[in-house]
Protein backbone atom coordinates (compact mmCIF):
# COMPACT_ATOMS: atom_id res chain seq x y z
CA MET A 1 0.00 0.00 0.00
CA LYS A 2 1.42 3.34 -0.98
CA SER A 3 1.47 6.23 1.42
CA ASN A 4 -0.96 8.18 -0.79
CA ASP A 5 -3.48 5.35 -0.54
CA TYR A 6 -3.12 5.32 3.22
CA VAL A 7 -3.63 9.08 3.50
CA LYS A 8 -6.69 8.82 1.26
CA TYR A 9 -8.16 6.01 3.39
CA LEU A 10 -7.43 7.89 6.61
CA THR A 11 -9.02 11.07 5.26
CA GLN A 12 -12.14 9.22 4.13
CA THR A 13 -12.47 7.56 7.52
CA VAL A 14 -12.14 10.84 9.41
CA VAL A 15 -14.62 12.62 7.15
CA LYS A 16 -17.10 9.76 7.49
CA TYR A 17 -16.79 9.97 11.28
CA ILE A 18 -17.20 13.75 11.36
CA ASP A 19 -20.26 13.63 9.08
CA GLN A 20 -22.15 11.42 11.53
CA PRO A 21 -24.46 13.16 13.98
CA LYS A 22 -23.15 13.44 17.53
CA ASP A 23 -25.90 11.20 18.93
CA GLU A 24 -25.07 8.42 16.49
CA ARG A 25 -21.36 8.58 17.36
CA LYS A 26 -22.20 8.39 21.06
CA ARG A 27 -24.61 5.47 20.54
CA HIS A 28 -22.02 3.59 18.49
CA ARG A 29 -19.38 4.13 21.19
CA ILE A 30 -21.73 2.82 23.91
CA GLU A 31 -22.68 -0.25 21.84
CA LYS A 32 -19.02 -1.01 21.22
CA LYS A 33 -18.26 -0.71 24.93
CA ASP A 34 -21.16 -3.02 25.85
CA MET A 35 -19.93 -5.70 23.44
CA LYS A 36 -16.51 -5.91 25.13
CA GLU A 37 -15.82 -8.92 27.30
CA PRO A 38 -14.87 -8.39 30.96
CA PHE A 39 -11.24 -7.38 31.61
CA LEU A 40 -10.23 -10.62 33.34
CA PHE A 41 -11.63 -12.75 30.54
CA ARG A 42 -9.98 -10.68 27.82
CA TRP A 43 -6.52 -10.69 29.37
CA PHE A 44 -6.26 -13.91 31.37
CA GLY A 45 -8.77 -16.31 29.86
CA ILE A 46 -11.87 -17.97 31.16
CA LEU A 47 -10.29 -19.79 34.12
CA SER A 48 -9.39 -16.65 36.03
CA TYR A 49 -12.81 -15.18 35.29
CA LEU A 50 -14.52 -18.31 36.62
CA PHE A 51 -12.35 -18.21 39.73
CA TYR A 52 -13.27 -14.56 40.31
CA TRP A 53 -16.96 -15.27 39.71
CA GLY A 54 -16.90 -18.19 42.15
CA MET A 55 -15.22 -16.12 44.87
CA LYS A 56 -17.68 -13.29 44.33
CA ARG A 57 -20.61 -15.70 44.49
CA LYS A 58 -19.27 -17.33 47.67
CA LYS A 59 -18.82 -13.90 49.26
CA HIS A 60 -22.49 -12.96 48.73
CA LYS A 61 -23.82 -16.10 50.42
């Protein structure tokens, strides 16, 4: 990919983002945040998340 192609792509992306209404940008950001997996699961896998969940559950009882 040439540098001119990259600049063109970057410019198109920025213009597309700026052209969106503010409410739509905010909604998209919130949806993206909600789709993320929990921090422990993302970084350390399911075993640490299950361990944390079990400890939390045991604490509430």
